[in-house]
Amino acid sequence: MPSYVFRVRTPDNVTHRVQRDELPDLDAAMAHAQRFARTLVRTPVRRGQRTIGGSVDVEIADRAIARLLLSEVAYQIS
C-alpha cells in the first residue's frame, strides 16, 4: 500500500502538523484528508465567527497530489 503524507500548512506555507498513513488508494486518502481537515476546524469557525486560512496537502513520494482548503471544509460543515 502506498504511504500518504498529510501536511497542514498556513497561508504563508509553513508546515504545522504532519501525519503519515498507508492507505489502499487515492479515494481512501482523500476521505482521510477530509476527516483530518474536519478535526482542525473548530466550532467558532463553523459558526462563521471568524475566517480561517491554510490547507491540508496530500502527498505521495514527496509530490503534492491534492490540497484541501480549510476555509472550504469549514463552509461545507457549517
Protein backbone atom coordinates (compact mmCIF):
# COMPACT_ATOMS: atom_id res chain seq x y z
CA MET A 1 0.00 0.00 0.00
CA PRO A 2 1.24 3.49 -0.76
CA SER A 3 2.20 5.77 2.09
CA TYR A 4 0.38 9.12 2.03
CA VAL A 5 1.53 12.22 3.90
CA PHE A 6 -0.98 14.81 5.15
CA ARG A 7 0.51 18.26 5.90
CA VAL A 8 -1.25 21.21 7.48
CA ARG A 9 0.09 24.44 6.02
CA THR A 10 -0.68 28.02 6.98
CA PRO A 11 -1.34 30.66 4.29
CA ASP A 12 2.36 31.61 4.40
CA ASN A 13 3.27 27.98 3.53
CA VAL A 14 4.64 26.94 6.94
CA THR A 15 4.05 23.30 7.88
CA HIS A 16 2.48 22.85 11.32
CA ARG A 17 1.34 19.25 11.53
CA VAL A 18 2.28 16.12 9.59
CA GLN A 19 0.55 12.76 9.61
CA ARG A 20 1.55 9.66 7.63
CA ASP A 21 -0.72 6.74 6.81
CA GLU A 22 -0.65 3.77 4.50
CA LEU A 23 -3.90 3.66 2.55
CA PRO A 24 -5.03 1.47 -0.35
CA ASP A 25 -5.78 4.20 -2.92
CA LEU A 26 -6.34 7.89 -3.61
CA ASP A 27 -10.06 7.71 -2.75
CA ALA A 28 -9.25 6.44 0.73
CA ALA A 29 -6.54 9.11 1.08
CA MET A 30 -8.98 11.90 0.15
CA ALA A 31 -11.57 10.60 2.61
CA HIS A 32 -8.89 10.51 5.31
CA ALA A 33 -7.75 14.05 4.40
CA GLN A 34 -11.34 15.29 4.71
CA ARG A 35 -11.67 13.76 8.20
CA PHE A 36 -8.25 15.14 9.16
CA ALA A 37 -9.24 18.64 7.99
CA ARG A 38 -12.55 18.50 9.88
CA THR A 39 -10.69 17.87 13.14
CA LEU A 40 -8.77 21.11 12.58
CA VAL A 41 -11.84 23.28 12.07
CA ARG A 42 -13.13 24.44 15.43
CA THR A 43 -16.73 25.19 16.36
CA PRO A 44 -16.45 29.05 16.36
CA VAL A 45 -15.15 28.91 12.81
CA ARG A 46 -18.01 26.65 11.75
CA ARG A 47 -20.47 29.24 13.04
CA GLY A 48 -18.88 31.91 10.88
CA GLN A 49 -17.39 33.94 13.73
CA ARG A 50 -14.01 34.30 12.03
CA THR A 51 -12.21 33.39 8.86
CA ILE A 52 -9.77 30.52 8.57
CA GLY A 53 -6.76 30.10 6.33
CA GLY A 54 -4.46 27.27 5.48
CA SER A 55 -4.75 23.92 3.80
CA VAL A 56 -4.21 20.19 4.16
CA ASP A 57 -1.88 18.90 1.46
CA VAL A 58 -1.94 15.24 0.44
CA GLU A 59 1.42 13.96 -0.78
CA ILE A 60 2.85 10.69 -2.02
CA ALA A 61 6.58 10.18 -2.58
CA ASP A 62 7.20 13.88 -1.75
CA ARG A 63 4.84 15.07 -4.51
CA ALA A 64 1.69 17.02 -3.71
CA ILE A 65 -1.30 15.32 -5.30
CA ALA A 66 -4.19 17.20 -3.67
CA ARG A 67 -4.97 20.20 -1.45
CA LEU A 68 -7.98 20.81 0.76
CA LEU A 69 -8.53 24.42 1.82
CA LEU A 70 -9.59 24.64 5.46
CA SER A 71 -11.95 27.52 4.60
CA GLU A 72 -13.82 25.25 2.16
CA VAL A 73 -14.05 22.47 4.76
CA ALA A 74 -15.46 24.97 7.28
CA TYR A 75 -18.02 26.12 4.70
CA GLN A 76 -19.05 22.54 3.90
CA ILE A 77 -19.77 21.62 7.51
CA SER A 78 -21.36 24.91 8.54
